[in-house]
Amino acid sequence: SFESFGSNGLGWFRQASGKEREFVAAIGGTWSGGVT
């Protein structure tokens, strides 16, 4: 259940061709107040 990740951080990364994967954005879980 995705809801079971409610207290955990989630994120987005991207990888362009020939480059390393890089961080784009993240959002914290319930206890963090959904900090981004």
All heavy atoms as atom14 arrays in JSON, in Angstrom:
{
  "sequence": "SFESFGSNGLGWFRQASGKEREFVAAIGGTWSGGVT",
  "atom14_mask": [
    [1, 1, 1, 1, 1, 1, 0, 0, 0, 0, 0, 0, 0, 0],
    [1, 1, 1, 1, 1, 1, 1, 1, 1, 1, 1, 0, 0, 0],
    [1, 1, 1, 1, 1, 1, 1, 1, 1, 0, 0, 0, 0, 0],
    [1, 1, 1, 1, 1, 1, 0, 0, 0, 0, 0, 0, 0, 0],
    [1, 1, 1, 1, 1, 1, 1, 1, 1, 1, 1, 0, 0, 0],
    [1, 1, 1, 1, 0, 0, 0, 0, 0, 0, 0, 0, 0, 0],
    [1, 1, 1, 1, 1, 1, 0, 0, 0, 0, 0, 0, 0, 0],
    [1, 1, 1, 1, 1, 1, 1, 1, 0, 0, 0, 0, 0, 0],
    [1, 1, 1, 1, 0, 0, 0, 0, 0, 0, 0, 0, 0, 0],
    [1, 1, 1, 1, 1, 1, 1, 1, 0, 0, 0, 0, 0, 0],
    [1, 1, 1, 1, 0, 0, 0, 0, 0, 0, 0, 0, 0, 0],
    [1, 1, 1, 1, 1, 1, 1, 1, 1, 1, 1, 1, 1, 1],
    [1, 1, 1, 1, 1, 1, 1, 1, 1, 1, 1, 0, 0, 0],
    [1, 1, 1, 1, 1, 1, 1, 1, 1, 1, 1, 0, 0, 0],
    [1, 1, 1, 1, 1, 1, 1, 1, 1, 0, 0, 0, 0, 0],
    [1, 1, 1, 1, 1, 0, 0, 0, 0, 0, 0, 0, 0, 0],
    [1, 1, 1, 1, 1, 1, 0, 0, 0, 0, 0, 0, 0, 0],
    [1, 1, 1, 1, 0, 0, 0, 0, 0, 0, 0, 0, 0, 0],
    [1, 1, 1, 1, 1, 1, 1, 1, 1, 0, 0, 0, 0, 0],
    [1, 1, 1, 1, 1, 1, 1, 1, 1, 0, 0, 0, 0, 0],
    [1, 1, 1, 1, 1, 1, 1, 1, 1, 1, 1, 0, 0, 0],
    [1, 1, 1, 1, 1, 1, 1, 1, 1, 0, 0, 0, 0, 0],
    [1, 1, 1, 1, 1, 1, 1, 1, 1, 1, 1, 0, 0, 0],
    [1, 1, 1, 1, 1, 1, 1, 0, 0, 0, 0, 0, 0, 0],
    [1, 1, 1, 1, 1, 0, 0, 0, 0, 0, 0, 0, 0, 0],
    [1, 1, 1, 1, 1, 0, 0, 0, 0, 0, 0, 0, 0, 0],
    [1, 1, 1, 1, 1, 1, 1, 1, 0, 0, 0, 0, 0, 0],
    [1, 1, 1, 1, 0, 0, 0, 0, 0, 0, 0, 0, 0, 0],
    [1, 1, 1, 1, 0, 0, 0, 0, 0, 0, 0, 0, 0, 0],
    [1, 1, 1, 1, 1, 1, 1, 0, 0, 0, 0, 0, 0, 0],
    [1, 1, 1, 1, 1, 1, 1, 1, 1, 1, 1, 1, 1, 1],
    [1, 1, 1, 1, 1, 1, 0, 0, 0, 0, 0, 0, 0, 0],
    [1, 1, 1, 1, 0, 0, 0, 0, 0, 0, 0, 0, 0, 0],
    [1, 1, 1, 1, 0, 0, 0, 0, 0, 0, 0, 0, 0, 0],
    [1, 1, 1, 1, 1, 1, 1, 0, 0, 0, 0, 0, 0, 0],
    [1, 1, 1, 1, 1, 1, 1, 0, 0, 0, 0, 0, 0, 0]
  ],
  "atom14_positions": [
    [[0.83, -1.19, 0.0], [0.0, 0.0, 0.0], [0.87, 1.25, 0.0], [1.77, 1.39, 0.83], [-0.9, 0.02, 1.24], [-1.48, 1.28, 1.4], [0.0, 0.0, 0.0], [0.0, 0.0, 0.0], [0.0, 0.0, 0.0], [0.0, 0.0, 0.0], [0.0, 0.0, 0.0], [0.0, 0.0, 0.0], [0.0, 0.0, 0.0], [0.0, 0.0, 0.0]],
    [[0.63, 2.13, -0.95], [1.37, 3.38, -0.99], [1.15, 4.17, 0.28], [2.04, 4.89, 0.73], [0.9, 4.19, -2.21], [1.85, 5.25, -2.64], [2.97, 4.94, -3.39], [1.64, 6.57, -2.3], [3.85, 5.92, -3.81], [2.52, 7.56, -2.7], [3.62, 7.24, -3.46], [0.0, 0.0, 0.0], [0.0, 0.0, 0.0], [0.0, 0.0, 0.0]],
    [[-0.02, 3.98, 0.86], [-0.34, 4.69, 2.1], [0.61, 4.27, 3.22], [0.87, 5.04, 4.14], [-1.79, 4.45, 2.49], [-2.29, 5.35, 3.61], [-3.78, 5.2, 3.83], [-4.38, 4.29, 3.22], [-4.35, 5.99, 4.6], [0.0, 0.0, 0.0], [0.0, 0.0, 0.0], [0.0, 0.0, 0.0], [0.0, 0.0, 0.0], [0.0, 0.0, 0.0]],
    [[1.12, 3.05, 3.13], [2.05, 2.58, 4.15], [3.37, 3.33, 4.1], [4.17, 3.25, 5.03], [2.3, 1.08, 3.99], [3.06, 0.82, 2.83], [0.0, 0.0, 0.0], [0.0, 0.0, 0.0], [0.0, 0.0, 0.0], [0.0, 0.0, 0.0], [0.0, 0.0, 0.0], [0.0, 0.0, 0.0], [0.0, 0.0, 0.0], [0.0, 0.0, 0.0]],
    [[3.6, 4.06, 3.01], [4.77, 4.92, 2.93], [4.48, 6.3, 3.51], [5.27, 7.22, 3.36], [5.22, 5.09, 1.48], [5.89, 3.88, 0.9], [5.25, 3.11, -0.07], [7.16, 3.51, 1.29], [5.85, 1.99, -0.61], [7.78, 2.39, 0.75], [7.12, 1.64, -0.2], [0.0, 0.0, 0.0], [0.0, 0.0, 0.0], [0.0, 0.0, 0.0]],
    [[3.3, 6.44, 4.14], [2.85, 7.75, 4.6], [3.85, 8.47, 5.47], [3.96, 9.7, 5.41], [0.0, 0.0, 0.0], [0.0, 0.0, 0.0], [0.0, 0.0, 0.0], [0.0, 0.0, 0.0], [0.0, 0.0, 0.0], [0.0, 0.0, 0.0], [0.0, 0.0, 0.0], [0.0, 0.0, 0.0], [0.0, 0.0, 0.0], [0.0, 0.0, 0.0]],
    [[4.61, 7.74, 6.27], [5.56, 8.39, 7.16], [6.96, 8.45, 6.55], [7.91, 8.89, 7.21], [5.61, 7.65, 8.49], [6.04, 6.32, 8.3], [0.0, 0.0, 0.0], [0.0, 0.0, 0.0], [0.0, 0.0, 0.0], [0.0, 0.0, 0.0], [0.0, 0.0, 0.0], [0.0, 0.0, 0.0], [0.0, 0.0, 0.0], [0.0, 0.0, 0.0]],
    [[7.1, 8.04, 5.32], [8.42, 7.95, 4.7], [8.62, 8.99, 3.61], [7.68, 9.44, 2.98], [8.62, 6.56, 4.11], [8.48, 5.47, 5.13], [7.44, 4.83, 5.24], [9.52, 5.29, 5.92], [0.0, 0.0, 0.0], [0.0, 0.0, 0.0], [0.0, 0.0, 0.0], [0.0, 0.0, 0.0], [0.0, 0.0, 0.0], [0.0, 0.0, 0.0]],
    [[9.89, 9.31, 3.39], [10.21, 10.24, 2.34], [10.06, 9.61, 0.96], [10.36, 8.44, 0.76], [0.0, 0.0, 0.0], [0.0, 0.0, 0.0], [0.0, 0.0, 0.0], [0.0, 0.0, 0.0], [0.0, 0.0, 0.0], [0.0, 0.0, 0.0], [0.0, 0.0, 0.0], [0.0, 0.0, 0.0], [0.0, 0.0, 0.0], [0.0, 0.0, 0.0]],
    [[9.59, 10.42, 0.02], [9.47, 10.03, -1.37], [10.24, 11.02, -2.23], [10.42, 12.17, -1.82], [8.0, 10.02, -1.81], [7.02, 9.17, -1.01], [5.6, 9.41, -1.5], [7.39, 7.69, -1.13], [0.0, 0.0, 0.0], [0.0, 0.0, 0.0], [0.0, 0.0, 0.0], [0.0, 0.0, 0.0], [0.0, 0.0, 0.0], [0.0, 0.0, 0.0]],
    [[10.66, 10.59, -3.39], [11.44, 11.51, -4.21], [11.34, 11.24, -5.69], [10.8, 10.21, -6.13], [0.0, 0.0, 0.0], [0.0, 0.0, 0.0], [0.0, 0.0, 0.0], [0.0, 0.0, 0.0], [0.0, 0.0, 0.0], [0.0, 0.0, 0.0], [0.0, 0.0, 0.0], [0.0, 0.0, 0.0], [0.0, 0.0, 0.0], [0.0, 0.0, 0.0]],
    [[11.87, 12.2, -6.44], [11.99, 12.1, -7.89], [13.44, 12.34, -8.28], [14.08, 13.27, -7.77], [11.1, 13.13, -8.59], [9.64, 12.85, -8.49], [8.77, 13.38, -7.58], [8.86, 12.01, -9.33], [7.51, 12.9, -7.8], [7.53, 12.06, -8.88], [9.16, 11.21, -10.44], [6.5, 11.35, -9.48], [8.13, 10.49, -11.04], [6.82, 10.56, -10.57]],
    [[13.91, 11.53, -9.21], [15.23, 11.68, -9.77], [15.11, 11.64, -11.29], [14.07, 11.22, -11.82], [16.15, 10.52, -9.32], [16.53, 10.58, -7.87], [15.61, 10.26, -6.87], [17.8, 10.95, -7.48], [15.96, 10.33, -5.53], [18.17, 11.0, -6.14], [17.24, 10.69, -5.17], [0.0, 0.0, 0.0], [0.0, 0.0, 0.0], [0.0, 0.0, 0.0]],
    [[16.15, 12.05, -11.97], [16.13, 11.93, -13.42], [17.54, 11.59, -13.92], [18.53, 11.86, -13.25], [15.64, 13.22, -14.07], [16.6, 14.38, -13.97], [15.94, 15.65, -14.49], [16.87, 16.78, -14.5], [16.48, 18.04, -14.65], [15.2, 18.33, -14.79], [17.38, 19.0, -14.66], [0.0, 0.0, 0.0], [0.0, 0.0, 0.0], [0.0, 0.0, 0.0]],
    [[17.55, 11.01, -15.1], [18.82, 10.65, -15.71], [18.77, 10.95, -17.2], [17.95, 10.38, -17.93], [19.13, 9.18, -15.49], [20.51, 8.76, -15.97], [20.89, 7.38, -15.5], [20.04, 6.55, -15.17], [22.18, 7.11, -15.44], [0.0, 0.0, 0.0], [0.0, 0.0, 0.0], [0.0, 0.0, 0.0], [0.0, 0.0, 0.0], [0.0, 0.0, 0.0]],
    [[19.62, 11.87, -17.62], [19.74, 12.18, -19.04], [20.69, 11.18, -19.67], [21.53, 10.58, -19.0], [20.25, 13.6, -19.22], [0.0, 0.0, 0.0], [0.0, 0.0, 0.0], [0.0, 0.0, 0.0], [0.0, 0.0, 0.0], [0.0, 0.0, 0.0], [0.0, 0.0, 0.0], [0.0, 0.0, 0.0], [0.0, 0.0, 0.0], [0.0, 0.0, 0.0]],
    [[20.56, 11.03, -20.97], [21.39, 10.07, -21.69], [22.87, 10.4, -21.49], [23.29, 11.54, -21.7], [21.04, 10.1, -23.18], [21.83, 9.2, -23.9], [0.0, 0.0, 0.0], [0.0, 0.0, 0.0], [0.0, 0.0, 0.0], [0.0, 0.0, 0.0], [0.0, 0.0, 0.0], [0.0, 0.0, 0.0], [0.0, 0.0, 0.0], [0.0, 0.0, 0.0]],
    [[23.64, 9.43, -21.07], [25.07, 9.63, -20.89], [25.46, 10.33, -19.61], [26.64, 10.61, -19.39], [0.0, 0.0, 0.0], [0.0, 0.0, 0.0], [0.0, 0.0, 0.0], [0.0, 0.0, 0.0], [0.0, 0.0, 0.0], [0.0, 0.0, 0.0], [0.0, 0.0, 0.0], [0.0, 0.0, 0.0], [0.0, 0.0, 0.0], [0.0, 0.0, 0.0]],
    [[24.49, 10.61, -18.76], [24.78, 11.32, -17.52], [24.35, 10.48, -16.32], [23.58, 9.53, -16.44], [24.08, 12.68, -17.49], [24.58, 13.64, -18.55], [23.96, 15.01, -18.36], [24.51, 16.01, -19.37], [23.92, 17.36, -19.19], [0.0, 0.0, 0.0], [0.0, 0.0, 0.0], [0.0, 0.0, 0.0], [0.0, 0.0, 0.0], [0.0, 0.0, 0.0]],
    [[24.84, 10.88, -15.15], [24.45, 10.18, -13.94], [23.05, 10.61, -13.5], [22.6, 11.72, -13.81], [25.46, 10.48, -12.84], [26.82, 9.86, -13.07], [27.74, 10.02, -11.88], [27.36, 10.68, -10.9], [28.86, 9.47, -11.93], [0.0, 0.0, 0.0], [0.0, 0.0, 0.0], [0.0, 0.0, 0.0], [0.0, 0.0, 0.0], [0.0, 0.0, 0.0]],
    [[22.43, 9.75, -12.76], [21.12, 10.07, -12.2], [21.28, 11.2, -11.19], [22.24, 11.22, -10.41], [20.52, 8.84, -11.55], [19.1, 9.01, -11.07], [18.48, 7.68, -10.72], [19.2, 6.96, -9.71], [18.97, 5.69, -9.38], [18.04, 5.01, -10.01], [19.68, 5.11, -8.42], [0.0, 0.0, 0.0], [0.0, 0.0, 0.0], [0.0, 0.0, 0.0]],
    [[20.33, 12.14, -11.21], [20.42, 13.28, -10.3], [19.1, 13.51, -9.59], [18.01, 13.21, -10.1], [20.81, 14.55, -11.07], [19.84, 14.98, -12.14], [20.33, 16.19, -12.93], [21.38, 16.75, -12.6], [19.62, 16.57, -13.89], [0.0, 0.0, 0.0], [0.0, 0.0, 0.0], [0.0, 0.0, 0.0], [0.0, 0.0, 0.0], [0.0, 0.0, 0.0]],
    [[19.22, 14.09, -8.42], [18.06, 14.4, -7.6], [17.26, 15.54, -8.23], [17.83, 16.51, -8.73], [18.52, 14.79, -6.2], [17.47, 15.42, -5.35], [16.48, 14.64, -4.76], [17.45, 16.78, -5.13], [15.5, 15.23, -3.96], [16.49, 17.37, -4.33], [15.51, 16.59, -3.76], [0.0, 0.0, 0.0], [0.0, 0.0, 0.0], [0.0, 0.0, 0.0]],
    [[15.94, 15.44, -8.17], [15.07, 16.5, -8.67], [14.25, 17.12, -7.54], [14.26, 18.32, -7.34], [14.12, 15.96, -9.77], [13.13, 17.03, -10.19], [14.92, 15.45, -10.96], [0.0, 0.0, 0.0], [0.0, 0.0, 0.0], [0.0, 0.0, 0.0], [0.0, 0.0, 0.0], [0.0, 0.0, 0.0], [0.0, 0.0, 0.0], [0.0, 0.0, 0.0]],
    [[13.51, 16.28, -6.82], [12.62, 16.79, -5.78], [12.3, 15.68, -4.79], [12.38, 14.5, -5.12], [11.33, 17.33, -6.38], [0.0, 0.0, 0.0], [0.0, 0.0, 0.0], [0.0, 0.0, 0.0], [0.0, 0.0, 0.0], [0.0, 0.0, 0.0], [0.0, 0.0, 0.0], [0.0, 0.0, 0.0], [0.0, 0.0, 0.0], [0.0, 0.0, 0.0]],
    [[11.94, 16.08, -3.58], [11.56, 15.1, -2.56], [10.51, 15.69, -1.65], [10.39, 16.91, -1.5], [12.78, 14.68, -1.75], [0.0, 0.0, 0.0], [0.0, 0.0, 0.0], [0.0, 0.0, 0.0], [0.0, 0.0, 0.0], [0.0, 0.0, 0.0], [0.0, 0.0, 0.0], [0.0, 0.0, 0.0], [0.0, 0.0, 0.0], [0.0, 0.0, 0.0]],
    [[9.75, 14.79, -1.03], [8.72, 15.23, -0.08], [8.76, 14.29, 1.11], [8.85, 13.06, 0.97], [7.33, 15.26, -0.75], [6.28, 15.82, 0.22], [6.92, 13.9, -1.29], [4.97, 16.21, -0.49], [0.0, 0.0, 0.0], [0.0, 0.0, 0.0], [0.0, 0.0, 0.0], [0.0, 0.0, 0.0], [0.0, 0.0, 0.0], [0.0, 0.0, 0.0]],
    [[8.72, 14.88, 2.28], [8.78, 14.09, 3.49], [7.44, 13.46, 3.84], [6.41, 13.75, 3.24], [0.0, 0.0, 0.0], [0.0, 0.0, 0.0], [0.0, 0.0, 0.0], [0.0, 0.0, 0.0], [0.0, 0.0, 0.0], [0.0, 0.0, 0.0], [0.0, 0.0, 0.0], [0.0, 0.0, 0.0], [0.0, 0.0, 0.0], [0.0, 0.0, 0.0]],
    [[7.48, 12.58, 4.83], [6.29, 11.89, 5.27], [5.44, 12.72, 6.21], [5.72, 13.9, 6.45], [0.0, 0.0, 0.0], [0.0, 0.0, 0.0], [0.0, 0.0, 0.0], [0.0, 0.0, 0.0], [0.0, 0.0, 0.0], [0.0, 0.0, 0.0], [0.0, 0.0, 0.0], [0.0, 0.0, 0.0], [0.0, 0.0, 0.0], [0.0, 0.0, 0.0]],
    [[4.42, 12.08, 6.74], [3.43, 12.76, 7.58], [4.07, 13.48, 8.75], [3.74, 14.64, 9.04], [2.42, 11.73, 8.11], [1.82, 11.06, 7.0], [1.33, 12.43, 8.92], [0.0, 0.0, 0.0], [0.0, 0.0, 0.0], [0.0, 0.0, 0.0], [0.0, 0.0, 0.0], [0.0, 0.0, 0.0], [0.0, 0.0, 0.0], [0.0, 0.0, 0.0]],
    [[5.0, 12.82, 9.41], [5.6, 13.4, 10.61], [6.45, 14.61, 10.29], [6.71, 15.43, 11.18], [6.43, 12.36, 11.34], [5.6, 11.21, 11.81], [5.65, 9.92, 11.36], [4.57, 11.25, 12.8], [4.7, 9.16, 12.02], [4.04, 9.93, 12.9], [4.06, 12.25, 13.62], [3.02, 9.62, 13.79], [3.04, 11.93, 14.5], [2.53, 10.62, 14.58]],
    [[6.88, 14.75, 9.07], [7.68, 15.91, 8.69], [6.8, 17.07, 8.25], [7.3, 18.15, 7.95], [8.64, 15.54, 7.55], [7.95, 15.49, 6.31], [0.0, 0.0, 0.0], [0.0, 0.0, 0.0], [0.0, 0.0, 0.0], [0.0, 0.0, 0.0], [0.0, 0.0, 0.0], [0.0, 0.0, 0.0], [0.0, 0.0, 0.0], [0.0, 0.0, 0.0]],
    [[5.48, 16.8, 8.21], [4.57, 17.84, 7.74], [4.61, 17.97, 6.23], [4.13, 18.97, 5.68], [0.0, 0.0, 0.0], [0.0, 0.0, 0.0], [0.0, 0.0, 0.0], [0.0, 0.0, 0.0], [0.0, 0.0, 0.0], [0.0, 0.0, 0.0], [0.0, 0.0, 0.0], [0.0, 0.0, 0.0], [0.0, 0.0, 0.0], [0.0, 0.0, 0.0]],
    [[5.16, 16.95, 5.57], [5.21, 17.01, 4.12], [6.21, 18.01, 3.6], [6.02, 18.61, 2.53], [0.0, 0.0, 0.0], [0.0, 0.0, 0.0], [0.0, 0.0, 0.0], [0.0, 0.0, 0.0], [0.0, 0.0, 0.0], [0.0, 0.0, 0.0], [0.0, 0.0, 0.0], [0.0, 0.0, 0.0], [0.0, 0.0, 0.0], [0.0, 0.0, 0.0]],
    [[7.3, 18.19, 4.31], [8.33, 19.13, 3.88], [8.84, 18.75, 2.49], [8.91, 17.56, 2.15], [9.48, 19.16, 4.89], [10.19, 17.82, 4.96], [10.47, 20.27, 4.58], [0.0, 0.0, 0.0], [0.0, 0.0, 0.0], [0.0, 0.0, 0.0], [0.0, 0.0, 0.0], [0.0, 0.0, 0.0], [0.0, 0.0, 0.0], [0.0, 0.0, 0.0]],
    [[9.15, 19.73, 1.68], [9.65, 19.46, 0.34], [11.06, 20.02, 0.15], [11.48, 20.95, 0.86], [8.73, 20.08, -0.73], [8.61, 21.48, -0.49], [7.35, 19.44, -0.71], [0.0, 0.0, 0.0], [0.0, 0.0, 0.0], [0.0, 0.0, 0.0], [0.0, 0.0, 0.0], [0.0, 0.0, 0.0], [0.0, 0.0, 0.0], [0.0, 0.0, 0.0]]
  ]
}
